[in-house]
């Protein structure tokens, strides 16, 4: 294979993830998980018998269950975002080439 003058091997390697963006996403995901956990606890306590956690929203069992389910969903979303970003941060960088251009192993 002939190497031309314009060949640069550094172009084959992808750029690293920006660290500050990943950290901001992780911080946002952690805050979402914390907010969801707090809403879950507030909904659970109002269902058990202390309905003054969120004022009028928790006055009825339907409102308390709504807060409980919303808290669970927000907590799940935060944990999902956290795990997805951590997985992307730990992913090794490979060559930035199409698989059909790689050497064939029989």
PDB file of N, CA and C in Angstrom:
ATOM      1  N   UNK A   1       0.846  -1.173   0.000  1.00  0.00           N
ATOM      2  CA  UNK A   1       0.000   0.000   0.000  1.00  0.00           C
ATOM      3  C   UNK A   1       0.890   1.234   0.000  1.00  0.00           C
ATOM      4  N   UNK A   2       0.610   2.103  -0.904  1.00  0.00           N
ATOM      5  CA  UNK A   2       1.416   3.312  -1.028  1.00  0.00           C
ATOM      6  C   UNK A   2       0.903   4.377  -0.057  1.00  0.00           C
ATOM      7  N   UNK A   3       1.822   4.983   0.663  1.00  0.00           N
ATOM      8  CA  UNK A   3       1.467   6.051   1.596  1.00  0.00           C
ATOM      9  C   UNK A   3       1.683   7.385   0.885  1.00  0.00           C
ATOM     10  N   UNK A   4       0.637   8.144   0.798  1.00  0.00           N
ATOM     11  CA  UNK A   4       0.747   9.428   0.112  1.00  0.00           C
ATOM     12  C   UNK A   4       1.298  10.489   1.066  1.00  0.00           C
ATOM     13  N   UNK A   5       1.661  11.617   0.490  1.00  0.00           N
ATOM     14  CA  UNK A   5       2.241  12.690   1.298  1.00  0.00           C
ATOM     15  C   UNK A   5       1.229  13.318   2.241  1.00  0.00           C
ATOM     16  N   UNK A   6      -0.048  13.278   1.892  1.00  0.00           N
ATOM     17  CA  UNK A   6      -1.063  13.899   2.729  1.00  0.00           C
ATOM     18  C   UNK A   6      -1.601  12.993   3.820  1.00  0.00           C
ATOM     19  N   UNK A   7      -0.984  11.823   4.029  1.00  0.00           N
ATOM     20  CA  UNK A   7      -1.476  10.875   5.033  1.00  0.00           C
ATOM     21  C   UNK A   7      -1.063  11.320   6.426  1.00  0.00           C
ATOM     22  N   UNK A   8      -2.004  11.318   7.329  1.00  0.00           N
ATOM     23  CA  UNK A   8      -1.735  11.648   8.722  1.00  0.00           C
ATOM     24  C   UNK A   8      -2.400  10.594   9.587  1.00  0.00           C
ATOM     25  N   UNK A   9      -1.613   9.813  10.303  1.00  0.00           N
ATOM     26  CA  UNK A   9      -2.154   8.706  11.103  1.00  0.00           C
ATOM     27  C   UNK A   9      -2.997   9.218  12.269  1.00  0.00           C
ATOM     28  N   UNK A  10      -2.785  10.441  12.710  1.00  0.00           N
ATOM     29  CA  UNK A  10      -3.561  10.968  13.842  1.00  0.00           C
ATOM     30  C   UNK A  10      -5.025  11.166  13.489  1.00  0.00           C
ATOM     31  N   UNK A  11      -5.326  11.294  12.188  1.00  0.00           N
ATOM     32  CA  UNK A  11      -6.730  11.446  11.783  1.00  0.00           C
ATOM     33  C   UNK A  11      -7.523  10.169  11.994  1.00  0.00           C
ATOM     34  N   UNK A  12      -6.835   9.040  12.070  1.00  0.00           N
ATOM     35  CA  UNK A  12      -7.532   7.766  12.268  1.00  0.00           C
ATOM     36  C   UNK A  12      -8.048   7.612  13.690  1.00  0.00           C
ATOM     37  N   UNK A  13      -7.423   8.273  14.622  1.00  0.00           N
ATOM     38  CA  UNK A  13      -7.855   8.184  16.019  1.00  0.00           C
ATOM     39  C   UNK A  13      -8.916   9.243  16.307  1.00  0.00           C
ATOM     40  N   UNK A  14     -10.023   8.852  16.918  1.00  0.00           N
ATOM     41  CA  UNK A  14     -11.031   9.855  17.253  1.00  0.00           C
ATOM     42  C   UNK A  14     -10.554  10.727  18.409  1.00  0.00           C
ATOM     43  N   UNK A  15     -11.130  11.896  18.494  1.00  0.00           N
ATOM     44  CA  UNK A  15     -10.787  12.794  19.592  1.00  0.00           C
ATOM     45  C   UNK A  15     -11.384  12.277  20.899  1.00  0.00           C
ATOM     46  N   UNK A  16     -10.716  12.562  21.981  1.00  0.00           N
ATOM     47  CA  UNK A  16     -11.195  12.127  23.297  1.00  0.00           C
ATOM     48  C   UNK A  16     -12.443  12.910  23.679  1.00  0.00           C
ATOM     49  N   UNK A  17     -13.243  12.310  24.552  1.00  0.00           N
ATOM     50  CA  UNK A  17     -14.430  12.995  25.039  1.00  0.00           C
ATOM     51  C   UNK A  17     -14.012  14.219  25.844  1.00  0.00           C
ATOM     52  N   UNK A  18     -14.820  15.251  25.763  1.00  0.00           N
ATOM     53  CA  UNK A  18     -14.521  16.421  26.576  1.00  0.00           C
ATOM     54  C   UNK A  18     -14.914  16.114  28.019  1.00  0.00           C
ATOM     55  N   UNK A  19     -13.966  16.294  28.892  1.00  0.00           N
ATOM     56  CA  UNK A  19     -14.166  15.903  30.286  1.00  0.00           C
ATOM     57  C   UNK A  19     -15.189  16.776  30.993  1.00  0.00           C
ATOM     58  N   UNK A  20     -15.181  18.078  30.720  1.00  0.00           N
ATOM     59  CA  UNK A  20     -16.083  18.975  31.442  1.00  0.00           C
ATOM     60  C   UNK A  20     -17.529  18.713  31.060  1.00  0.00           C
ATOM     61  N   UNK A  21     -17.803  18.375  29.813  1.00  0.00           N
ATOM     62  CA  UNK A  21     -19.173  18.091  29.394  1.00  0.00           C
ATOM     63  C   UNK A  21     -19.690  16.822  30.071  1.00  0.00           C
ATOM     64  N   UNK A  22     -18.838  15.814  30.154  1.00  0.00           N
ATOM     65  CA  UNK A  22     -19.229  14.569  30.813  1.00  0.00           C
ATOM     66  C   UNK A  22     -19.487  14.797  32.297  1.00  0.00           C
ATOM     67  N   UNK A  23     -18.663  15.602  32.910  1.00  0.00           N
ATOM     68  CA  UNK A  23     -18.863  15.876  34.342  1.00  0.00           C
ATOM     69  C   UNK A  23     -20.149  16.665  34.593  1.00  0.00           C
ATOM     70  N   UNK A  24     -20.477  17.598  33.700  1.00  0.00           N
ATOM     71  CA  UNK A  24     -21.732  18.333  33.847  1.00  0.00           C
ATOM     72  C   UNK A  24     -22.944  17.409  33.688  1.00  0.00           C
ATOM     73  N   UNK A  25     -22.872  16.507  32.728  1.00  0.00           N
ATOM     74  CA  UNK A  25     -23.970  15.561  32.540  1.00  0.00           C
ATOM     75  C   UNK A  25     -24.089  14.638  33.748  1.00  0.00           C
ATOM     76  N   UNK A  26     -22.964  14.198  34.288  1.00  0.00           N
ATOM     77  CA  UNK A  26     -22.995  13.350  35.484  1.00  0.00           C
ATOM     78  C   UNK A  26     -23.585  14.099  36.683  1.00  0.00           C
ATOM     79  N   UNK A  27     -23.222  15.375  36.819  1.00  0.00           N
ATOM     80  CA  UNK A  27     -23.764  16.155  37.928  1.00  0.00           C
ATOM     81  C   UNK A  27     -25.270  16.363  37.763  1.00  0.00           C
ATOM     82  N   UNK A  28     -25.720  16.635  36.549  1.00  0.00           N
ATOM     83  CA  UNK A  28     -27.145  16.790  36.296  1.00  0.00           C
ATOM     84  C   UNK A  28     -27.898  15.487  36.550  1.00  0.00           C
ATOM     85  N   UNK A  29     -27.308  14.370  36.143  1.00  0.00           N
ATOM     86  CA  UNK A  29     -27.942  13.070  36.375  1.00  0.00           C
ATOM     87  C   UNK A  29     -28.023  12.757  37.863  1.00  0.00           C
ATOM     88  N   UNK A  30     -26.990  13.104  38.615  1.00  0.00           N
ATOM     89  CA  UNK A  30     -27.019  12.869  40.057  1.00  0.00           C
ATOM     90  C   UNK A  30     -28.080  13.739  40.726  1.00  0.00           C
ATOM     91  N   UNK A  31     -28.212  14.987  40.273  1.00  0.00           N
ATOM     92  CA  UNK A  31     -29.255  15.857  40.831  1.00  0.00           C
ATOM     93  C   UNK A  31     -30.651  15.335  40.498  1.00  0.00           C
ATOM     94  N   UNK A  32     -30.829  14.811  39.290  1.00  0.00           N
ATOM     95  CA  UNK A  32     -32.121  14.220  38.928  1.00  0.00           C
ATOM     96  C   UNK A  32     -32.438  13.013  39.808  1.00  0.00           C
ATOM     97  N   UNK A  33     -31.444  12.156  40.018  1.00  0.00           N
ATOM     98  CA  UNK A  33     -31.661  10.981  40.855  1.00  0.00           C
ATOM     99  C   UNK A  33     -31.992  11.396  42.291  1.00  0.00           C
ATOM    100  N   UNK A  34     -31.318  12.416  42.801  1.00  0.00           N
ATOM    101  CA  UNK A  34     -31.589  12.896  44.149  1.00  0.00           C
ATOM    102  C   UNK A  34     -32.983  13.512  44.260  1.00  0.00           C
ATOM    103  N   UNK A  35     -33.356  14.311  43.259  1.00  0.00           N
ATOM    104  CA  UNK A  35     -34.694  14.903  43.251  1.00  0.00           C
ATOM    105  C   UNK A  35     -35.768  13.820  43.182  1.00  0.00           C
ATOM    106  N   UNK A  36     -35.541  12.823  42.345  1.00  0.00           N
ATOM    107  CA  UNK A  36     -36.492  11.719  42.247  1.00  0.00           C
ATOM    108  C   UNK A  36     -36.610  10.941  43.544  1.00  0.00           C
ATOM    109  N   UNK A  37     -35.485  10.713  44.207  1.00  0.00           N
ATOM    110  CA  UNK A  37     -35.527  10.001  45.487  1.00  0.00           C
ATOM    111  C   UNK A  37     -36.274  10.819  46.548  1.00  0.00           C
ATOM    112  N   UNK A  38     -36.057  12.134  46.560  1.00  0.00           N
ATOM    113  CA  UNK A  38     -36.764  12.981  47.524  1.00  0.00           C
ATOM    114  C   UNK A  38     -38.267  13.006  47.252  1.00  0.00           C
ATOM    115  N   UNK A  39     -38.640  13.069  45.973  1.00  0.00           N
ATOM    116  CA  UNK A  39     -40.071  13.032  45.645  1.00  0.00           C
ATOM    117  C   UNK A  39     -40.684  11.681  45.995  1.00  0.00           C
ATOM    118  N   UNK A  40     -39.942  10.613  45.785  1.00  0.00           N
ATOM    119  CA  UNK A  40     -40.405   9.279  46.142  1.00  0.00           C
ATOM    120  C   UNK A  40     -40.652   9.166  47.640  1.00  0.00           C
ATOM    121  N   UNK A  41     -39.711   9.677  48.423  1.00  0.00           N
ATOM    122  CA  UNK A  41     -39.853   9.630  49.888  1.00  0.00           C
ATOM    123  C   UNK A  41     -41.020  10.504  50.339  1.00  0.00           C
ATOM    124  N   UNK A  42     -41.186  11.681  49.720  1.00  0.00           N
ATOM    125  CA  UNK A  42     -42.294  12.558  50.092  1.00  0.00           C
ATOM    126  C   UNK A  42     -43.633  11.902  49.767  1.00  0.00           C
ATOM    127  N   UNK A  43     -43.740  11.250  48.622  1.00  0.00           N
ATOM    128  CA  UNK A  43     -44.975  10.557  48.270  1.00  0.00           C
ATOM    129  C   UNK A  43     -45.242   9.375  49.184  1.00  0.00           C
ATOM    130  N   UNK A  44     -44.195   8.647  49.542  1.00  0.00           N
ATOM    131  CA  UNK A  44     -44.365   7.486  50.424  1.00  0.00           C
ATOM    132  C   UNK A  44     -44.786   7.915  51.821  1.00  0.00           C
ATOM    133  N   UNK A  45     -44.176   8.973  52.344  1.00  0.00           N
ATOM    134  CA  UNK A  45     -44.553   9.410  53.687  1.00  0.00           C
ATOM    135  C   UNK A  45     -45.975   9.958  53.724  1.00  0.00           C
ATOM    136  N   UNK A  46     -46.402  10.601  52.645  1.00  0.00           N
ATOM    137  CA  UNK A  46     -47.774  11.107  52.649  1.00  0.00           C
ATOM    138  C   UNK A  46     -48.775   9.966  52.504  1.00  0.00           C
ATOM    139  N   UNK A  47     -48.403   8.899  51.838  1.00  0.00           N
ATOM    140  CA  UNK A  47     -49.293   7.735  51.777  1.00  0.00           C
ATOM    141  C   UNK A  47     -49.349   7.004  53.109  1.00  0.00           C
ATOM    142  N   UNK A  48     -48.236   7.001  53.831  1.00  0.00           N
ATOM    143  CA  UNK A  48     -48.208   6.319  55.126  1.00  0.00           C
ATOM    144  C   UNK A  48     -49.022   7.074  56.168  1.00  0.00           C
ATOM    145  N   UNK A  49     -48.993   8.402  56.111  1.00  0.00           N
ATOM    146  CA  UNK A  49     -49.805   9.113  57.084  1.00  0.00           C
ATOM    147  C   UNK A  49     -49.366  10.494  57.470  1.00  0.00           C
ATOM    148  N   UNK A  50     -48.383  11.061  56.816  1.00  0.00           N
ATOM    149  CA  UNK A  50     -47.932  12.427  57.102  1.00  0.00           C
ATOM    150  C   UNK A  50     -48.092  13.267  55.851  1.00  0.00           C
ATOM    151  N   UNK A  51     -49.306  13.747  55.549  1.00  0.00           N
ATOM    152  CA  UNK A  51     -49.566  14.389  54.259  1.00  0.00           C
ATOM    153  C   UNK A  51     -49.070  15.827  54.113  1.00  0.00           C
ATOM    154  N   UNK A  52     -48.364  16.380  55.063  1.00  0.00           N
ATOM    155  CA  UNK A  52     -47.945  17.773  54.935  1.00  0.00           C
ATOM    156  C   UNK A  52     -46.552  17.926  54.325  1.00  0.00           C
ATOM    157  N   UNK A  53     -46.066  16.921  53.643  1.00  0.00           N
ATOM    158  CA  UNK A  53     -44.720  16.993  53.054  1.00  0.00           C
ATOM    159  C   UNK A  53     -44.664  17.990  51.902  1.00  0.00           C
ATOM    160  N   UNK A  54     -45.650  17.981  51.003  1.00  0.00           N
ATOM    161  CA  UNK A  54     -45.652  18.902  49.870  1.00  0.00           C
ATOM    162  C   UNK A  54     -46.889  19.788  49.847  1.00  0.00           C
ATOM    163  N   UNK A  55     -47.557  19.950  50.926  1.00  0.00           N
ATOM    164  CA  UNK A  55     -48.711  20.849  50.997  1.00  0.00           C
ATOM    165  C   UNK A  55     -49.958  20.244  50.381  1.00  0.00           C
ATOM    166  N   UNK A  56     -50.619  21.023  49.525  1.00  0.00           N
ATOM    167  CA  UNK A  56     -51.892  20.600  48.934  1.00  0.00           C
ATOM    168  C   UNK A  56     -51.762  19.444  47.948  1.00  0.00           C
ATOM    169  N   UNK A  57     -50.591  19.279  47.353  1.00  0.00           N
ATOM    170  CA  UNK A  57     -50.417  18.213  46.377  1.00  0.00           C
ATOM    171  C   UNK A  57     -50.538  16.836  47.021  1.00  0.00           C
ATOM    172  N   UNK A  58     -50.117  16.718  48.255  1.00  0.00           N
ATOM    173  CA  UNK A  58     -50.170  15.437  48.943  1.00  0.00           C
ATOM    174  C   UNK A  58     -51.380  15.297  49.845  1.00  0.00           C
ATOM    175  N   UNK A  59     -52.362  16.154  49.720  1.00  0.00           N
ATOM    176  CA  UNK A  59     -53.524  16.084  50.609  1.00  0.00           C
ATOM    177  C   UNK A  59     -54.369  14.849  50.339  1.00  0.00           C
ATOM    178  N   UNK A  60     -54.416  14.377  49.131  1.00  0.00           N
ATOM    179  CA  UNK A  60     -55.214  13.205  48.791  1.00  0.00           C
ATOM    180  C   UNK A  60     -54.298  12.025  48.474  1.00  0.00           C
ATOM    181  N   UNK A  61     -54.810  10.826  48.622  1.00  0.00           N
ATOM    182  CA  UNK A  61     -53.988   9.647  48.264  1.00  0.00           C
ATOM    183  C   UNK A  61     -53.641   9.605  46.773  1.00  0.00           C
ATOM    184  N   UNK A  62     -54.513  10.127  45.916  1.00  0.00           N
ATOM    185  CA  UNK A  62     -54.216  10.140  44.481  1.00  0.00           C
ATOM    186  C   UNK A  62     -53.041  11.073  44.181  1.00  0.00           C
ATOM    187  N   UNK A  63     -53.017  12.234  44.818  1.00  0.00           N
ATOM    188  CA  UNK A  63     -51.893  13.157  44.633  1.00  0.00           C
ATOM    189  C   UNK A  63     -50.596  12.592  45.187  1.00  0.00           C
ATOM    190  N   UNK A  64     -50.707  11.905  46.325  1.00  0.00           N
ATOM    191  CA  UNK A  64     -49.510  11.305  46.919  1.00  0.00           C
ATOM    192  C   UNK A  64     -48.962  10.195  46.038  1.00  0.00           C
ATOM    193  N   UNK A  65     -49.846   9.392  45.476  1.00  0.00           N
ATOM    194  CA  UNK A  65     -49.369   8.325  44.583  1.00  0.00           C
ATOM    195  C   UNK A  65     -48.795   8.907  43.292  1.00  0.00           C
ATOM    196  N   UNK A  66     -49.345  10.028  42.834  1.00  0.00           N
ATOM    197  CA  UNK A  66     -48.792  10.696  41.663  1.00  0.00           C
ATOM    198  C   UNK A  66     -47.374  11.196  41.943  1.00  0.00           C
ATOM    199  N   UNK A  67     -47.158  11.778  43.115  1.00  0.00           N
ATOM    200  CA  UNK A  67     -45.823  12.236  43.502  1.00  0.00           C
ATOM    201  C   UNK A  67     -44.881  11.043  43.632  1.00  0.00           C
ATOM    202  N   UNK A  68     -45.362   9.944  44.175  1.00  0.00           N
ATOM    203  CA  UNK A  68     -44.554   8.742  44.349  1.00  0.00           C
ATOM    204  C   UNK A  68     -44.103   8.185  42.989  1.00  0.00           C
ATOM    205  N   UNK A  69     -45.037   8.059  42.059  1.00  0.00           N
ATOM    206  CA  UNK A  69     -44.709   7.514  40.735  1.00  0.00           C
ATOM    207  C   UNK A  69     -43.812   8.470  39.956  1.00  0.00           C
ATOM    208  N   UNK A  70     -44.081   9.760  40.043  1.00  0.00           N
ATOM    209  CA  UNK A  70     -43.235  10.747  39.368  1.00  0.00           C
ATOM    210  C   UNK A  70     -41.818  10.722  39.935  1.00  0.00           C
ATOM    211  N   UNK A  71     -41.705  10.596  41.232  1.00  0.00           N
ATOM    212  CA  UNK A  71     -40.383  10.492  41.860  1.00  0.00           C
ATOM    213  C   UNK A  71     -39.630   9.262  41.403  1.00  0.00           C
ATOM    214  N   UNK A  72     -40.347   8.144  41.275  1.00  0.00           N
ATOM    215  CA  UNK A  72     -39.698   6.921  40.791  1.00  0.00           C
ATOM    216  C   UNK A  72     -39.199   7.099  39.360  1.00  0.00           C
ATOM    217  N   UNK A  73     -40.006   7.716  38.513  1.00  0.00           N
ATOM    218  CA  UNK A  73     -39.612   7.909  37.116  1.00  0.00           C
ATOM    219  C   UNK A  73     -38.423   8.864  36.987  1.00  0.00           C
ATOM    220  N   UNK A  74     -38.432   9.935  37.754  1.00  0.00           N
ATOM    221  CA  UNK A  74     -37.323  10.897  37.693  1.00  0.00           C
ATOM    222  C   UNK A  74     -36.043  10.270  38.233  1.00  0.00           C
ATOM    223  N   UNK A  75     -36.161   9.484  39.293  1.00  0.00           N
ATOM    224  CA  UNK A  75     -34.992   8.784  39.842  1.00  0.00           C
ATOM    225  C   UNK A  75     -34.449   7.779  38.829  1.00  0.00           C
ATOM    226  N   UNK A  76     -35.328   7.053  38.173  1.00  0.00           N
ATOM    227  CA  UNK A  76     -34.901   6.096  37.149  1.00  0.00           C
ATOM    228  C   UNK A  76     -34.198   6.811  35.993  1.00  0.00           C
ATOM    229  N   UNK A  77     -34.740   7.957  35.578  1.00  0.00           N
ATOM    230  CA  UNK A  77     -34.134   8.724  34.496  1.00  0.00           C
ATOM    231  C   UNK A  77     -32.733   9.200  34.874  1.00  0.00           C
ATOM    232  N   UNK A  78     -32.562   9.676  36.102  1.00  0.00           N
ATOM    233  CA  UNK A  78     -31.249  10.125  36.559  1.00  0.00           C
ATOM    234  C   UNK A  78     -30.239   9.001  36.607  1.00  0.00           C
ATOM    235  N   UNK A  79     -30.659   7.841  37.099  1.00  0.00           N
ATOM    236  CA  UNK A  79     -29.752   6.692  37.166  1.00  0.00           C
ATOM    237  C   UNK A  79     -29.404   6.203  35.769  1.00  0.00           C
ATOM    238  N   UNK A  80     -30.376   6.208  34.852  1.00  0.00           N
ATOM    239  CA  UNK A  80     -30.125   5.784  33.476  1.00  0.00           C
ATOM    240  C   UNK A  80     -29.124   6.715  32.797  1.00  0.00           C
ATOM    241  N   UNK A  81     -29.311   8.026  32.991  1.00  0.00           N
ATOM    242  CA  UNK A  81     -28.377   8.985  32.401  1.00  0.00           C
ATOM    243  C   UNK A  81     -26.976   8.809  32.984  1.00  0.00           C
ATOM    244  N   UNK A  82     -26.892   8.601  34.281  1.00  0.00           N
ATOM    245  CA  UNK A  82     -25.609   8.414  34.952  1.00  0.00           C
ATOM    246  C   UNK A  82     -24.870   7.196  34.383  1.00  0.00           C
ATOM    247  N   UNK A  83     -25.568   6.067  34.302  1.00  0.00           N
ATOM    248  CA  UNK A  83     -24.937   4.835  33.827  1.00  0.00           C
ATOM    249  C   UNK A  83     -24.530   4.936  32.356  1.00  0.00           C
ATOM    250  N   UNK A  84     -25.367   5.579  31.558  1.00  0.00           N
ATOM    251  CA  UNK A  84     -25.056   5.722  30.132  1.00  0.00           C
ATOM    252  C   UNK A  84     -23.816   6.589  29.927  1.00  0.00           C
ATOM    253  N   UNK A  85     -23.699   7.692  30.642  1.00  0.00           N
ATOM    254  CA  UNK A  85     -22.554   8.575  30.502  1.00  0.00           C
ATOM    255  C   UNK A  85     -21.282   7.907  31.017  1.00  0.00           C
ATOM    256  N   UNK A  86     -21.379   7.167  32.116  1.00  0.00           N
ATOM    257  CA  UNK A  86     -20.206   6.469  32.637  1.00  0.00           C
ATOM    258  C   UNK A  86     -19.722   5.411  31.653  1.00  0.00           C
ATOM    259  N   UNK A  87     -20.682   4.728  31.014  1.00  0.00           N
ATOM    260  CA  UNK A  87     -20.315   3.723  30.023  1.00  0.00           C
ATOM    261  C   UNK A  87     -19.618   4.376  28.832  1.00  0.00           C
ATOM    262  N   UNK A  88     -20.095   5.538  28.392  1.00  0.00           N
ATOM    263  CA  UNK A  88     -19.459   6.234  27.280  1.00  0.00           C
ATOM    264  C   UNK A  88     -18.083   6.765  27.651  1.00  0.00           C
ATOM    265  N   UNK A  89     -17.912   7.178  28.905  1.00  0.00           N
ATOM    266  CA  UNK A  89     -16.619   7.696  29.328  1.00  0.00           C
ATOM    267  C   UNK A  89     -15.569   6.592  29.397  1.00  0.00           C
ATOM    268  N   UNK A  90     -15.975   5.382  29.730  1.00  0.00           N
ATOM    269  CA  UNK A  90     -15.027   4.276  29.875  1.00  0.00           C
ATOM    270  C   UNK A  90     -14.812   3.494  28.593  1.00  0.00           C
ATOM    271  N   UNK A  91     -15.517   3.836  27.550  1.00  0.00           N
ATOM    272  CA  UNK A  91     -15.417   3.120  26.288  1.00  0.00           C
ATOM    273  C   UNK A  91     -14.050   3.376  25.660  1.00  0.00           C
ATOM    274  N   UNK A  92     -13.363   2.313  25.273  1.00  0.00           N
ATOM    275  CA  UNK A  92     -12.044   2.533  24.660  1.00  0.00           C
ATOM    276  C   UNK A  92     -12.188   3.114  23.262  1.00  0.00           C
ATOM    277  N   UNK A  93     -11.192   3.871  22.886  1.00  0.00           N
ATOM    278  CA  UNK A  93     -11.185   4.476  21.563  1.00  0.00           C
ATOM    279  C   UNK A  93     -10.512   3.532  20.585  1.00  0.00           C
ATOM    280  N   UNK A  94     -11.156   3.270  19.501  1.00  0.00           N
ATOM    281  CA  UNK A  94     -10.567   2.433  18.466  1.00  0.00           C
ATOM    282  C   UNK A  94     -10.205   3.280  17.261  1.00  0.00           C
ATOM    283  N   UNK A  95      -9.862   2.599  16.211  1.00  0.00           N
ATOM    284  CA  UNK A  95      -9.560   3.322  14.985  1.00  0.00           C
ATOM    285  C   UNK A  95     -10.841   3.845  14.374  1.00  0.00           C
ATOM    286  N   UNK A  96     -10.752   4.962  13.746  1.00  0.00           N
ATOM    287  CA  UNK A  96     -11.903   5.599  13.142  1.00  0.00           C
ATOM    288  C   UNK A  96     -11.981   5.199  11.658  1.00  0.00           C
ATOM    289  N   UNK A  97     -12.013   3.882  11.428  1.00  0.00           N
ATOM    290  CA  UNK A  97     -12.064   3.366  10.068  1.00  0.00           C
ATOM    291  C   UNK A  97     -13.283   2.471   9.909  1.00  0.00           C
ATOM    292  N   UNK A  98     -13.737   2.349   8.685  1.00  0.00           N
ATOM    293  CA  UNK A  98     -14.849   1.454   8.412  1.00  0.00           C
ATOM    294  C   UNK A  98     -14.384   0.003   8.588  1.00  0.00           C
ATOM    295  N   UNK A  99     -15.235  -0.865   9.116  1.00  0.00           N
ATOM    296  CA  UNK A  99     -14.815  -2.249   9.367  1.00  0.00           C
ATOM    297  C   UNK A  99     -14.419  -3.005   8.100  1.00  0.00           C
ATOM    298  N   UNK A 100     -14.995  -2.659   6.960  1.00  0.00           N
ATOM    299  CA  UNK A 100     -14.657  -3.402   5.757  1.00  0.00           C
ATOM    300  C   UNK A 100     -13.275  -3.029   5.205  1.00  0.00           C
ATOM    301  N   UNK A 101     -12.668  -1.979   5.731  1.00  0.00           N
ATOM    302  CA  UNK A 101     -11.328  -1.608   5.306  1.00  0.00           C
ATOM    303  C   UNK A 101     -10.245  -2.257   6.149  1.00  0.00           C
ATOM    304  N   UNK A 102     -10.626  -2.895   7.245  1.00  0.00           N
ATOM    305  CA  UNK A 102      -9.656  -3.543   8.116  1.00  0.00           C
ATOM    306  C   UNK A 102      -9.160  -4.836   7.486  1.00  0.00           C
ATOM    307  N   UNK A 103      -8.096  -5.372   8.026  1.00  0.00           N
ATOM    308  CA  UNK A 103      -7.521  -6.605   7.507  1.00  0.00           C
ATOM    309  C   UNK A 103      -8.448  -7.770   7.811  1.00  0.00           C
ATOM    310  N   UNK A 104      -8.616  -8.649   6.857  1.00  0.00           N
ATOM    311  CA  UNK A 104      -9.512  -9.780   7.020  1.00  0.00           C
ATOM    312  C   UNK A 104      -8.772 -10.920   7.698  1.00  0.00           C
ATOM    313  N   UNK A 105      -9.381 -11.487   8.740  1.00  0.00           N
ATOM    314  CA  UNK A 105      -8.809 -12.649   9.435  1.00  0.00           C
ATOM    315  C   UNK A 105      -9.713 -13.837   9.168  1.00  0.00           C
ATOM    316  N   UNK A 106      -9.149 -14.877   8.528  1.00  0.00           N
ATOM    317  CA  UNK A 106      -9.942 -16.061   8.196  1.00  0.00           C
ATOM    318  C   UNK A 106      -9.933 -17.065   9.277  1.00  0.00           C
TER     319      UNK A 106
END
